[in-house]
Amino acid sequence: QVQLVESGGGLVQAGGSLRLSCAASGSGFYINAMGWYRQAPGKQRELVVDITRGGNTNYADSVKGRFTISRDNAKNMVYLQMNSLKPEDTAVYYCNAGVLMDRRLRDYWGQGTQVTVSS
């Protein structure tokens, strides 16, 4: 049993910044990759960025140069620093973790946090 909890979402003006946090809790698990996804109403969920345990990253073209992911393996946390925000970034942002449990890799998702960017 693993829980992911996001925080840090909110309302911000275009050009502003937000930092999202995701904390994993539970026992008997090992986290491999972690990432951030987002979904707007009526749109497909999309990858924002993911990061391996060793720190390798993969960013969506739409956020390159503006967003930065980081993680703290000791604390089982991952962060998303979002700068130069645009109205197109408005979405629910979800934390994702690939968790090794009982020798199988399972996907876990947080409840999501709303990010709204005004013009």
C-alpha atoms as a PDB file:
ATOM      1  CA  GLN A   1       0.000   0.000   0.000  1.00  0.00           C
ATOM      2  CA  VAL A   2       1.520   3.263  -1.242  1.00  0.00           C
ATOM      3  CA  GLN A   3       0.021   6.719  -1.143  1.00  0.00           C
ATOM      4  CA  LEU A   4       1.098   9.730  -3.185  1.00  0.00           C
ATOM      5  CA  VAL A   5       0.019  13.186  -2.076  1.00  0.00           C
ATOM      6  CA  GLU A   6       0.549  16.296  -4.184  1.00  0.00           C
ATOM      7  CA  SER A   7       0.626  19.845  -2.916  1.00  0.00           C
ATOM      8  CA  GLY A   8       1.518  23.309  -4.148  1.00  0.00           C
ATOM      9  CA  GLY A   9      -1.101  23.952  -6.794  1.00  0.00           C
ATOM     10  CA  GLY A  10      -3.053  27.160  -6.998  1.00  0.00           C
ATOM     11  CA  LEU A  11      -3.917  30.222  -9.023  1.00  0.00           C
ATOM     12  CA  VAL A  12      -1.120  32.234 -10.597  1.00  0.00           C
ATOM     13  CA  GLN A  13      -0.814  34.931 -13.240  1.00  0.00           C
ATOM     14  CA  ALA A  14       0.830  34.263 -16.575  1.00  0.00           C
ATOM     15  CA  GLY A  15       4.576  34.564 -16.230  1.00  0.00           C
ATOM     16  CA  GLY A  16       4.515  33.516 -12.593  1.00  0.00           C
ATOM     17  CA  SER A  17       5.884  30.456 -10.833  1.00  0.00           C
ATOM     18  CA  LEU A  18       4.696  27.556  -8.705  1.00  0.00           C
ATOM     19  CA  ARG A  19       6.438  24.614  -7.090  1.00  0.00           C
ATOM     20  CA  LEU A  20       4.607  21.317  -6.778  1.00  0.00           C
ATOM     21  CA  SER A  21       5.566  18.634  -4.282  1.00  0.00           C
ATOM     22  CA  CYS A  22       4.704  14.959  -4.122  1.00  0.00           C
ATOM     23  CA  ALA A  23       5.297  12.753  -1.096  1.00  0.00           C
ATOM     24  CA  ALA A  24       5.152   8.970  -1.148  1.00  0.00           C
ATOM     25  CA  SER A  25       4.319   7.074   2.012  1.00  0.00           C
ATOM     26  CA  GLY A  26       3.839   3.477   3.037  1.00  0.00           C
ATOM     27  CA  SER A  27       6.044   0.501   3.706  1.00  0.00           C
ATOM     28  CA  GLY A  28       7.647  -2.366   1.879  1.00  0.00           C
ATOM     29  CA  PHE A  29       8.173  -0.523  -1.406  1.00  0.00           C
ATOM     30  CA  TYR A  30      10.947   0.759  -3.638  1.00  0.00           C
ATOM     31  CA  ILE A  31      10.342   3.639  -6.026  1.00  0.00           C
ATOM     32  CA  ASN A  32      11.902   3.451  -9.447  1.00  0.00           C
ATOM     33  CA  ALA A  33      10.894   6.309 -11.753  1.00  0.00           C
ATOM     34  CA  MET A  34       8.654   9.214 -10.779  1.00  0.00           C
ATOM     35  CA  GLY A  35       6.942  11.805 -12.897  1.00  0.00           C
ATOM     36  CA  TRP A  36       4.371  14.496 -13.382  1.00  0.00           C
ATOM     37  CA  TYR A  37       1.381  14.302 -15.719  1.00  0.00           C
ATOM     38  CA  ARG A  38      -1.380  16.791 -16.387  1.00  0.00           C
ATOM     39  CA  GLN A  39      -4.910  16.698 -17.713  1.00  0.00           C
ATOM     40  CA  ALA A  40      -7.345  19.430 -18.670  1.00  0.00           C
ATOM     41  CA  PRO A  41     -11.106  18.793 -19.004  1.00  0.00           C
ATOM     42  CA  GLY A  42     -11.891  17.147 -22.315  1.00  0.00           C
ATOM     43  CA  LYS A  43      -8.230  16.567 -23.086  1.00  0.00           C
ATOM     44  CA  GLN A  44      -5.965  13.559 -22.948  1.00  0.00           C
ATOM     45  CA  ARG A  45      -3.637  13.118 -20.014  1.00  0.00           C
ATOM     46  CA  GLU A  46      -0.112  13.980 -21.042  1.00  0.00           C
ATOM     47  CA  LEU A  47       3.361  13.485 -19.680  1.00  0.00           C
ATOM     48  CA  VAL A  48       4.964  16.642 -18.361  1.00  0.00           C
ATOM     49  CA  VAL A  49       8.257  15.146 -17.227  1.00  0.00           C
ATOM     50  CA  ASP A  50       9.618  12.045 -15.574  1.00  0.00           C
ATOM     51  CA  ILE A  51      12.823  11.251 -13.737  1.00  0.00           C
ATOM     52  CA  THR A  52      14.656   8.042 -13.001  1.00  0.00           C
ATOM     53  CA  ARG A  53      16.049   7.172  -9.602  1.00  0.00           C
ATOM     54  CA  GLY A  54      19.477   8.102 -10.919  1.00  0.00           C
ATOM     55  CA  GLY A  55      18.318  11.535 -12.070  1.00  0.00           C
ATOM     56  CA  ASN A  56      17.842  11.139 -15.824  1.00  0.00           C
ATOM     57  CA  THR A  57      14.953  13.278 -17.075  1.00  0.00           C
ATOM     58  CA  ASN A  58      12.541  13.380 -19.987  1.00  0.00           C
ATOM     59  CA  TYR A  59      10.585  16.603 -20.585  1.00  0.00           C
ATOM     60  CA  ALA A  60       7.664  17.297 -22.854  1.00  0.00           C
ATOM     61  CA  ASP A  61       8.598  19.791 -25.567  1.00  0.00           C
ATOM     62  CA  SER A  62       5.952  22.207 -24.314  1.00  0.00           C
ATOM     63  CA  VAL A  63       7.672  22.688 -20.948  1.00  0.00           C
ATOM     64  CA  LYS A  64      11.367  22.454 -21.815  1.00  0.00           C
ATOM     65  CA  GLY A  65      13.286  25.394 -20.463  1.00  0.00           C
ATOM     66  CA  ARG A  66      10.450  26.404 -18.127  1.00  0.00           C
ATOM     67  CA  PHE A  67       9.875  23.439 -15.790  1.00  0.00           C
ATOM     68  CA  THR A  68      12.411  21.562 -13.697  1.00  0.00           C
ATOM     69  CA  ILE A  69      11.908  18.240 -11.935  1.00  0.00           C
ATOM     70  CA  SER A  70      13.929  17.063  -8.961  1.00  0.00           C
ATOM     71  CA  ARG A  71      13.691  14.272  -6.410  1.00  0.00           C
ATOM     72  CA  ASP A  72      14.902  13.360  -2.971  1.00  0.00           C
ATOM     73  CA  ASN A  73      15.243   9.598  -2.766  1.00  0.00           C
ATOM     74  CA  ALA A  74      15.878   9.586   0.979  1.00  0.00           C
ATOM     75  CA  LYS A  75      12.583  11.392   1.590  1.00  0.00           C
ATOM     76  CA  ASN A  76      10.631   9.661  -1.196  1.00  0.00           C
ATOM     77  CA  MET A  77       9.670  13.011  -2.652  1.00  0.00           C
ATOM     78  CA  VAL A  78       9.598  14.579  -6.089  1.00  0.00           C
ATOM     79  CA  TYR A  79       9.186  18.239  -6.998  1.00  0.00           C
ATOM     80  CA  LEU A  80       8.222  20.263 -10.032  1.00  0.00           C
ATOM     81  CA  GLN A  81       9.411  23.850 -10.288  1.00  0.00           C
ATOM     82  CA  MET A  82       7.273  25.666 -12.852  1.00  0.00           C
ATOM     83  CA  ASN A  83       8.440  29.029 -14.166  1.00  0.00           C
ATOM     84  CA  SER A  84       7.147  31.334 -16.894  1.00  0.00           C
ATOM     85  CA  LEU A  85       3.710  29.786 -16.608  1.00  0.00           C
ATOM     86  CA  LYS A  86       1.263  30.148 -19.479  1.00  0.00           C
ATOM     87  CA  PRO A  87      -2.543  29.818 -19.596  1.00  0.00           C
ATOM     88  CA  GLU A  88      -2.007  26.638 -21.623  1.00  0.00           C
ATOM     89  CA  ASP A  89      -0.425  25.084 -18.522  1.00  0.00           C
ATOM     90  CA  THR A  90      -3.785  25.137 -16.726  1.00  0.00           C
ATOM     91  CA  ALA A  91      -4.643  21.559 -15.747  1.00  0.00           C
ATOM     92  CA  VAL A  92      -4.834  19.087 -12.919  1.00  0.00           C
ATOM     93  CA  TYR A  93      -1.317  17.878 -12.241  1.00  0.00           C
ATOM     94  CA  TYR A  94      -0.792  14.303 -11.094  1.00  0.00           C
ATOM     95  CA  CYS A  95       2.193  12.705  -9.453  1.00  0.00           C
ATOM     96  CA  ASN A  96       3.126   9.256 -10.711  1.00  0.00           C
ATOM     97  CA  ALA A  97       5.479   6.664  -9.293  1.00  0.00           C
ATOM     98  CA  GLY A  98       6.656   3.318 -10.560  1.00  0.00           C
ATOM     99  CA  VAL A  99       6.791   1.209  -7.418  1.00  0.00           C
ATOM    100  CA  LEU A 100       8.544  -2.123  -7.071  1.00  0.00           C
ATOM    101  CA  MET A 101       6.471  -4.266  -4.755  1.00  0.00           C
ATOM    102  CA  ASP A 102       6.421  -8.042  -4.428  1.00  0.00           C
ATOM    103  CA  ARG A 103       8.922  -8.134  -7.289  1.00  0.00           C
ATOM    104  CA  ARG A 104       6.511  -6.412  -9.677  1.00  0.00           C
ATOM    105  CA  LEU A 105       6.427  -2.838 -10.926  1.00  0.00           C
ATOM    106  CA  ARG A 106       3.146  -1.056 -10.254  1.00  0.00           C
ATOM    107  CA  ASP A 107       1.933   2.437 -11.160  1.00  0.00           C
ATOM    108  CA  TYR A 108       0.656   4.671  -8.382  1.00  0.00           C
ATOM    109  CA  TRP A 109      -1.065   8.032  -8.800  1.00  0.00           C
ATOM    110  CA  GLY A 110      -1.763  10.935  -6.526  1.00  0.00           C
ATOM    111  CA  GLN A 111      -5.139  12.612  -6.230  1.00  0.00           C
ATOM    112  CA  GLY A 112      -4.050  15.581  -8.329  1.00  0.00           C
ATOM    113  CA  THR A 113      -3.593  19.267  -7.652  1.00  0.00           C
ATOM    114  CA  GLN A 114      -5.180  22.059  -9.667  1.00  0.00           C
ATOM    115  CA  VAL A 115      -2.967  24.602 -11.400  1.00  0.00           C
ATOM    116  CA  THR A 116      -4.730  27.587 -12.930  1.00  0.00           C
ATOM    117  CA  VAL A 117      -2.850  30.231 -14.901  1.00  0.00           C
ATOM    118  CA  SER A 118      -4.720  33.429 -15.672  1.00  0.00           C
ATOM    119  CA  SER A 119      -4.051  35.722 -18.632  1.00  0.00           C
END
